[in-house]
Amino acid sequence: MDVLKNRKSWKYLLICFTLFLIAVGIFCTTVGSADISFKESAGIIMSKVPLLNHWFHAEDYPHVHQTIIWSLRVPRIILAALVGGALGVIGGTLQGFFKNPMADPYVMGVSSGAGLGATVAIITGAGGLLGMIEIPVFSFIGAFLTTWIVYSLAKVGKKVVVTTLLLAGVALSAFLSAVMSFLMVLNTDDIDKIYLWLMGSFANKSWEHIQLAAPFIIIGVIVLFALAKEMNAMVFGDSTAQHLGINLGKLQIILLMATSLTTAGAVASCGSIGFVGLIVPHIVRIMVGPDHRVLLPLSFLVGGTFLVITDTIARTCLGSQEIPVGVITALFGGPFFIYLLKKKKERVI
């Protein structure tokens, strides 16, 4: 692992993980009831890519296979990679922001805030004039307000009290979930739509869903990548960051808005998916260390790969019956969260 923590190896590491994500994505398009090989799937995908379609021709492949790969499975896998990457980056950012290894959008209640915003949008139709971006906008408002409330409750003077932070996040998440349940009871006509959305799933996702989520996720992730150096300074303490000339208040506001925007894009497209933002940054931090300049990009790639694999498991493990991907991520994330608590307890003892 010491080799991976060398700055000179970062570029090669990012290239290797990018290629690995692409290979995993193509392989996952072959998993399912239809008998399609890796070579055939790769050929169909290449035939749709500009420039590459000079060497790969769509007419060489059965029309049914083209529909399965390009219209059904590829959009789903790209969306899973985007959302998984976004959640990984958000988790790494929040853990650095709050200086707490257990911070992630799900534990902090940010996902619940985004979920409540989306629920309000679905039930009331209040943002009808916004068209397709109605749910992401309401999700962003819910996520930002939740993050701000948790941060305000946990901040005493210039310090963030870790215990208060976690308790506030858990309590607010439970409260917002209760409000969502109450709204669902009052609006039974929309209960199926809301319930399926809240469980987290990539079923029936199309290229339109990618067009909806990608702008929010890409803008938010680019902003967070650009602030990686300032986040490194924050980790060493507020006084160190201010000594280096960083406007801490302005930086915190931008980070909160960027994480809220990214969370909104991820949650609005597929619902609430827990624990990705908790697991992925920890694994990446063990590999490359705490430097956000490599931690965040690598968390994006590892998070995307993780969610592509877990979604494929969710899609195929019970045959024709699909289960929400949030169930699979929780099966990994729950034990991992307990492991973190146990490790923290051992340090205290």
Protein backbone atom coordinates (compact mmCIF):
# COMPACT_ATOMS: atom_id res chain seq x y z
CA MET A 1 0.00 0.00 0.00
CA ASP A 2 2.95 2.37 0.55
CA VAL A 3 3.62 2.27 -3.21
CA LEU A 4 0.06 3.44 -3.88
CA LYS A 5 0.53 6.37 -1.49
CA ASN A 6 3.37 7.70 -3.65
CA ARG A 7 2.17 10.76 -5.63
CA LYS A 8 3.96 9.53 -8.76
CA SER A 9 1.74 6.45 -8.85
CA TRP A 10 -1.55 8.40 -8.61
CA LYS A 11 -1.87 8.98 -12.36
CA TYR A 12 -1.34 5.31 -13.21
CA LEU A 13 -3.66 4.27 -10.40
CA LEU A 14 -6.48 6.47 -11.72
CA ILE A 15 -5.96 5.17 -15.26
CA CYS A 16 -6.01 1.54 -14.07
CA PHE A 17 -9.21 2.02 -12.05
CA THR A 18 -10.87 3.85 -14.97
CA LEU A 19 -10.11 0.93 -17.29
CA PHE A 20 -11.26 -1.51 -14.61
CA LEU A 21 -14.58 0.35 -14.25
CA ILE A 22 -15.10 0.22 -18.03
CA ALA A 23 -14.28 -3.50 -18.13
CA VAL A 24 -16.61 -4.25 -15.20
CA GLY A 25 -19.35 -2.19 -16.84
CA ILE A 26 -19.08 -4.09 -20.13
CA PHE A 27 -18.98 -7.43 -18.31
CA CYS A 28 -22.11 -6.53 -16.33
CA THR A 29 -23.99 -5.82 -19.58
CA THR A 30 -23.50 -9.50 -20.44
CA VAL A 31 -25.03 -10.74 -17.17
CA GLY A 32 -28.69 -11.62 -17.53
CA SER A 33 -31.14 -13.98 -19.21
CA ALA A 34 -29.95 -13.15 -22.76
CA ASP A 35 -26.87 -15.05 -23.90
CA ILE A 36 -24.53 -12.24 -25.00
CA SER A 37 -20.74 -12.54 -24.92
CA PHE A 38 -18.28 -9.90 -23.66
CA LYS A 39 -16.89 -9.44 -27.18
CA GLU A 40 -20.35 -8.98 -28.69
CA SER A 41 -21.42 -6.51 -26.00
CA ALA A 42 -18.20 -4.50 -26.39
CA GLY A 43 -18.72 -4.45 -30.17
CA ILE A 44 -22.30 -3.16 -29.85
CA ILE A 45 -21.22 -0.41 -27.46
CA MET A 46 -18.26 0.61 -29.65
CA SER A 47 -20.53 0.75 -32.71
CA LYS A 48 -22.55 3.51 -30.99
CA VAL A 49 -19.53 5.64 -30.05
CA PRO A 50 -18.49 8.35 -32.55
CA LEU A 51 -15.12 7.70 -34.24
CA LEU A 52 -15.06 4.09 -32.98
CA ASN A 53 -18.07 3.26 -35.19
CA HIS A 54 -15.70 3.34 -38.19
CA TRP A 55 -14.26 -0.01 -36.97
CA PHE A 56 -17.36 -1.49 -35.30
CA HIS A 57 -20.63 -1.76 -37.25
CA ALA A 58 -24.04 -2.16 -35.60
CA GLU A 59 -25.39 -4.26 -38.49
CA ASP A 60 -22.94 -7.03 -37.56
CA TYR A 61 -24.98 -7.77 -34.42
CA PRO A 62 -28.60 -9.01 -33.93
CA HIS A 63 -31.11 -6.19 -33.49
CA VAL A 64 -32.50 -7.80 -30.32
CA HIS A 65 -29.06 -7.85 -28.71
CA GLN A 66 -28.50 -4.21 -29.67
CA THR A 67 -31.75 -3.25 -27.96
CA ILE A 68 -30.91 -5.22 -24.80
CA ILE A 69 -27.39 -3.81 -24.51
CA TRP A 70 -27.75 -0.23 -25.71
CA SER A 71 -31.32 0.63 -24.70
CA LEU A 72 -31.71 -1.38 -21.48
CA ARG A 73 -28.43 -2.30 -19.81
CA VAL A 74 -25.92 0.40 -20.78
CA PRO A 75 -28.04 3.35 -19.49
CA ARG A 76 -28.61 1.51 -16.24
CA ILE A 77 -24.90 0.77 -15.76
CA ILE A 78 -23.80 4.32 -16.64
CA LEU A 79 -26.34 5.74 -14.18
CA ALA A 80 -25.18 3.30 -11.47
CA ALA A 81 -21.56 4.32 -12.09
CA LEU A 82 -22.46 8.02 -11.89
CA VAL A 83 -24.51 7.64 -8.71
CA GLY A 84 -21.98 5.32 -7.03
CA GLY A 85 -19.16 7.71 -7.92
CA ALA A 86 -21.13 10.68 -6.63
CA LEU A 87 -21.89 8.97 -3.32
CA GLY A 88 -18.23 7.99 -2.92
CA VAL A 89 -17.08 11.57 -3.48
CA ILE A 90 -19.75 12.97 -1.15
CA GLY A 91 -18.74 10.51 1.59
CA GLY A 92 -15.05 11.43 1.25
CA THR A 93 -15.91 15.14 1.35
CA LEU A 94 -18.20 14.92 4.39
CA GLN A 95 -15.71 12.80 6.32
CA GLY A 96 -13.04 15.43 5.70
CA PHE A 97 -15.42 18.33 6.29
CA PHE A 98 -16.62 17.01 9.66
CA LYS A 99 -13.30 15.28 10.47
CA ASN A 100 -15.32 12.19 11.24
CA PRO A 101 -14.84 8.75 9.63
CA MET A 102 -18.50 7.83 10.11
CA ALA A 103 -19.96 10.77 8.18
CA ASP A 104 -21.79 9.89 4.98
CA PRO A 105 -24.89 11.30 3.28
CA TYR A 106 -27.06 8.47 4.63
CA VAL A 107 -25.89 8.59 8.26
CA MET A 108 -25.87 12.39 8.28
CA GLY A 109 -29.49 12.52 7.16
CA VAL A 110 -28.65 14.30 3.88
CA SER A 111 -30.17 11.50 1.82
CA SER A 112 -33.33 11.62 3.93
CA GLY A 113 -33.51 15.39 3.39
CA ALA A 114 -33.18 14.93 -0.35
CA GLY A 115 -35.76 12.14 -0.17
CA LEU A 116 -38.26 14.34 1.66
CA GLY A 117 -37.75 17.09 -0.91
CA ALA A 118 -38.43 14.64 -3.72
CA THR A 119 -41.48 13.26 -1.90
CA VAL A 120 -42.94 16.74 -1.54
CA ALA A 121 -42.31 17.35 -5.26
CA ILE A 122 -44.06 14.09 -6.23
CA ILE A 123 -47.07 14.63 -3.97
CA THR A 124 -47.71 18.34 -4.41
CA GLY A 125 -46.44 18.88 -7.92
CA ALA A 126 -45.40 22.31 -6.60
CA GLY A 127 -42.52 22.56 -9.01
CA GLY A 128 -44.52 21.74 -12.12
CA LEU A 129 -43.06 24.70 -13.99
CA LEU A 130 -39.57 23.20 -13.54
CA GLY A 131 -40.40 20.21 -15.72
CA MET A 132 -37.92 17.31 -15.55
CA ILE A 133 -35.70 19.07 -12.98
CA GLU A 134 -38.57 19.40 -10.49
CA ILE A 135 -37.46 16.46 -8.32
CA PRO A 136 -33.70 17.30 -8.40
CA VAL A 137 -34.39 20.92 -7.39
CA PHE A 138 -36.59 19.90 -4.46
CA SER A 139 -34.05 17.21 -3.52
CA PHE A 140 -31.28 19.84 -3.52
CA ILE A 141 -33.27 22.13 -1.21
CA GLY A 142 -34.00 19.25 1.19
CA ALA A 143 -30.38 18.05 1.19
CA PHE A 144 -28.92 21.53 1.72
CA LEU A 145 -31.28 22.42 4.58
CA THR A 146 -30.60 19.09 6.30
CA THR A 147 -26.82 19.50 6.02
CA TRP A 148 -27.01 23.03 7.34
CA ILE A 149 -29.19 22.04 10.33
CA VAL A 150 -26.90 19.13 11.29
CA TYR A 151 -23.83 21.32 10.94
CA SER A 152 -25.38 24.14 12.99
CA LEU A 153 -26.44 21.77 15.78
CA ALA A 154 -23.00 20.14 15.97
CA LYS A 155 -20.95 23.33 15.87
CA VAL A 156 -19.99 24.81 19.24
CA GLY A 157 -17.89 27.91 18.77
CA LYS A 158 -15.37 27.01 16.07
CA LYS A 159 -15.47 23.28 16.74
CA VAL A 160 -17.77 20.50 15.54
CA VAL A 161 -18.75 18.14 18.36
CA VAL A 162 -18.58 14.64 16.90
CA THR A 163 -21.11 13.01 19.23
CA THR A 164 -23.63 15.79 18.64
CA LEU A 165 -22.99 15.55 14.92
CA LEU A 166 -23.83 11.86 14.74
CA LEU A 167 -26.80 12.09 17.08
CA ALA A 168 -28.18 15.10 15.18
CA GLY A 169 -27.76 13.28 11.86
CA VAL A 170 -29.41 10.09 13.07
CA ALA A 171 -32.23 11.94 14.83
CA LEU A 172 -32.92 14.24 11.88
CA SER A 173 -32.79 11.30 9.46
CA ALA A 174 -35.36 9.41 11.58
CA PHE A 175 -37.57 12.52 11.82
CA LEU A 176 -37.49 13.19 8.08
CA SER A 177 -38.20 9.52 7.35
CA ALA A 178 -41.21 9.72 9.67
CA VAL A 179 -42.46 12.83 7.84
CA MET A 180 -42.09 10.99 4.53
CA SER A 181 -44.06 8.03 5.89
CA PHE A 182 -46.77 10.39 7.14
CA LEU A 183 -47.02 12.06 3.73
CA MET A 184 -47.24 8.65 2.07
CA VAL A 185 -50.14 7.65 4.36
CA LEU A 186 -51.97 10.86 3.49
CA ASN A 187 -51.38 10.37 -0.25
CA THR A 188 -52.09 6.72 -0.94
CA ASP A 189 -52.51 7.36 -4.68
CA ASP A 190 -48.77 8.08 -4.95
CA ILE A 191 -47.61 5.59 -2.30
CA ASP A 192 -46.34 2.94 -4.75
CA LYS A 193 -44.35 5.50 -6.73
CA ILE A 194 -42.80 7.02 -3.59
CA TYR A 195 -42.14 3.67 -1.91
CA LEU A 196 -40.29 2.20 -4.91
CA TRP A 197 -38.32 5.40 -5.32
CA LEU A 198 -37.28 5.50 -1.63
CA MET A 199 -36.03 1.91 -1.64
CA GLY A 200 -33.41 2.81 -4.24
CA SER A 201 -33.41 1.07 -7.59
CA PHE A 202 -32.07 1.41 -11.14
CA ALA A 203 -34.89 -0.62 -12.65
CA ASN A 204 -36.36 0.81 -15.88
CA LYS A 205 -33.79 3.61 -16.03
CA SER A 206 -33.14 5.07 -19.46
CA TRP A 207 -30.92 7.62 -21.20
CA GLU A 208 -33.38 10.34 -20.10
CA HIS A 209 -32.61 9.61 -16.45
CA ILE A 210 -28.90 10.04 -17.19
CA GLN A 211 -29.61 13.40 -18.84
CA LEU A 212 -31.53 14.37 -15.72
CA ALA A 213 -28.92 13.35 -13.11
CA ALA A 214 -25.60 13.88 -14.93
CA PRO A 215 -25.51 17.73 -14.91
CA PHE A 216 -26.12 17.92 -11.15
CA ILE A 217 -23.59 15.18 -10.37
CA ILE A 218 -20.88 16.35 -12.78
CA ILE A 219 -21.03 20.02 -11.69
CA GLY A 220 -21.03 19.08 -7.99
CA VAL A 221 -18.18 16.58 -8.35
CA ILE A 222 -16.01 19.00 -10.39
CA VAL A 223 -16.46 21.70 -7.71
CA LEU A 224 -15.45 19.23 -4.98
CA PHE A 225 -12.43 18.05 -6.98
CA ALA A 226 -11.35 21.68 -7.44
CA LEU A 227 -11.49 22.27 -3.67
CA ALA A 228 -9.47 19.17 -2.73
CA LYS A 229 -6.39 21.21 -1.79
CA GLU A 230 -8.39 23.48 0.53
CA MET A 231 -10.02 20.41 2.11
CA ASN A 232 -6.55 19.05 2.91
CA ALA A 233 -5.87 22.24 4.86
CA MET A 234 -9.20 21.93 6.72
CA VAL A 235 -8.26 18.46 7.96
CA PHE A 236 -5.33 19.99 9.90
CA GLY A 237 -7.67 22.33 11.73
CA ASP A 238 -9.51 25.60 11.22
CA SER A 239 -6.62 27.73 12.47
CA THR A 240 -4.22 26.08 10.00
CA ALA A 241 -6.63 26.67 7.11
CA GLN A 242 -7.08 30.34 8.07
CA HIS A 243 -3.31 30.74 8.47
CA LEU A 244 -2.95 29.57 4.85
CA GLY A 245 -5.29 32.33 3.72
CA ILE A 246 -8.42 30.23 3.24
CA ASN A 247 -11.77 31.92 3.83
CA LEU A 248 -13.19 29.13 5.96
CA GLY A 249 -16.77 30.37 6.11
CA LYS A 250 -16.98 30.79 2.33
CA LEU A 251 -15.34 27.40 1.76
CA GLN A 252 -17.79 25.63 4.09
CA ILE A 253 -20.79 27.17 2.32
CA ILE A 254 -19.47 26.11 -1.11
CA LEU A 255 -18.76 22.57 0.13
CA LEU A 256 -22.25 22.24 1.63
CA MET A 257 -23.87 23.49 -1.59
CA ALA A 258 -21.72 21.22 -3.79
CA THR A 259 -22.41 18.10 -1.67
CA SER A 260 -26.13 18.95 -1.59
CA LEU A 261 -26.23 19.45 -5.37
CA THR A 262 -24.42 16.14 -5.96
CA THR A 263 -26.64 14.30 -3.47
CA ALA A 264 -29.73 15.74 -5.13
CA GLY A 265 -28.61 14.48 -8.55
CA ALA A 266 -27.85 11.02 -7.18
CA VAL A 267 -30.96 10.63 -5.02
CA ALA A 268 -33.40 12.19 -7.51
CA SER A 269 -32.51 9.69 -10.22
CA CYS A 270 -32.66 6.41 -8.29
CA GLY A 271 -33.83 7.00 -4.72
CA SER A 272 -31.98 6.66 -1.45
CA ILE A 273 -29.04 4.22 -1.48
CA GLY A 274 -27.20 3.91 1.80
CA PHE A 275 -23.66 3.11 2.95
CA VAL A 276 -21.83 3.63 -0.39
CA GLY A 277 -20.52 6.95 0.88
CA LEU A 278 -19.40 5.28 4.09
CA ILE A 279 -17.62 2.20 2.73
CA VAL A 280 -15.86 3.52 -0.35
CA PRO A 281 -13.83 6.46 1.08
CA HIS A 282 -12.53 4.22 3.88
CA ILE A 283 -11.29 1.60 1.44
CA VAL A 284 -9.68 4.25 -0.77
CA ARG A 285 -8.11 6.01 2.22
CA ILE A 286 -6.45 2.73 3.24
CA MET A 287 -5.06 2.43 -0.30
CA VAL A 288 -3.80 5.96 -1.01
CA GLY A 289 -3.93 7.89 2.26
CA PRO A 290 -5.96 10.99 3.23
CA ASP A 291 -4.91 13.41 0.46
CA HIS A 292 -8.19 14.60 -1.08
CA ARG A 293 -6.50 15.31 -4.45
CA VAL A 294 -6.40 11.55 -5.09
CA LEU A 295 -8.91 10.38 -2.48
CA LEU A 296 -11.89 12.04 -4.18
CA PRO A 297 -11.21 10.99 -7.83
CA LEU A 298 -10.43 7.44 -6.76
CA SER A 299 -13.53 7.34 -4.54
CA PHE A 300 -15.54 8.27 -7.63
CA LEU A 301 -14.10 5.35 -9.63
CA VAL A 302 -14.31 2.81 -6.79
CA GLY A 303 -17.81 3.97 -5.80
CA GLY A 304 -18.99 3.67 -9.41
CA THR A 305 -17.51 0.18 -9.73
CA PHE A 306 -19.03 -0.90 -6.40
CA LEU A 307 -22.54 0.24 -7.32
CA VAL A 308 -22.37 -1.26 -10.83
CA ILE A 309 -21.49 -4.64 -9.27
CA THR A 310 -24.09 -4.45 -6.48
CA ASP A 311 -26.80 -3.36 -8.95
CA THR A 312 -25.98 -6.33 -11.18
CA ILE A 313 -26.29 -8.61 -8.13
CA ALA A 314 -29.62 -6.98 -7.24
CA ARG A 315 -30.83 -7.43 -10.83
CA THR A 316 -29.90 -11.09 -11.22
CA CYS A 317 -29.47 -12.88 -7.86
CA LEU A 318 -33.15 -13.93 -7.61
CA GLY A 319 -33.64 -14.70 -11.29
CA SER A 320 -36.49 -12.73 -12.79
CA GLN A 321 -37.39 -11.05 -9.50
CA GLU A 322 -35.34 -7.89 -8.93
CA ILE A 323 -34.58 -6.54 -5.47
CA PRO A 324 -33.72 -2.89 -4.62
CA VAL A 325 -29.99 -2.20 -4.83
CA GLY A 326 -30.25 -0.41 -1.47
CA VAL A 327 -30.81 -3.82 0.13
CA ILE A 328 -27.50 -5.12 -1.25
CA THR A 329 -25.50 -2.03 -0.24
CA ALA A 330 -27.01 -2.21 3.25
CA LEU A 331 -25.93 -5.85 3.58
CA PHE A 332 -22.35 -4.69 2.97
CA GLY A 333 -22.60 -1.36 4.77
CA GLY A 334 -24.31 -2.43 8.01
CA PRO A 335 -21.51 -4.82 9.12
CA PHE A 336 -18.89 -2.32 7.95
CA PHE A 337 -20.45 0.42 10.09
CA ILE A 338 -20.40 -1.92 13.12
CA TYR A 339 -16.74 -2.68 12.36
CA LEU A 340 -15.94 1.06 12.43
CA LEU A 341 -17.72 1.50 15.75
CA LYS A 342 -15.86 -1.50 17.21
CA LYS A 343 -12.52 -0.17 15.97
CA LYS A 344 -13.25 3.28 17.44
CA LYS A 345 -14.21 1.65 20.76
CA GLU A 346 -10.92 -0.29 20.87
CA ARG A 347 -8.98 2.96 20.40
CA VAL A 348 -10.82 4.55 23.32
CA ILE A 349 -10.08 1.55 25.57
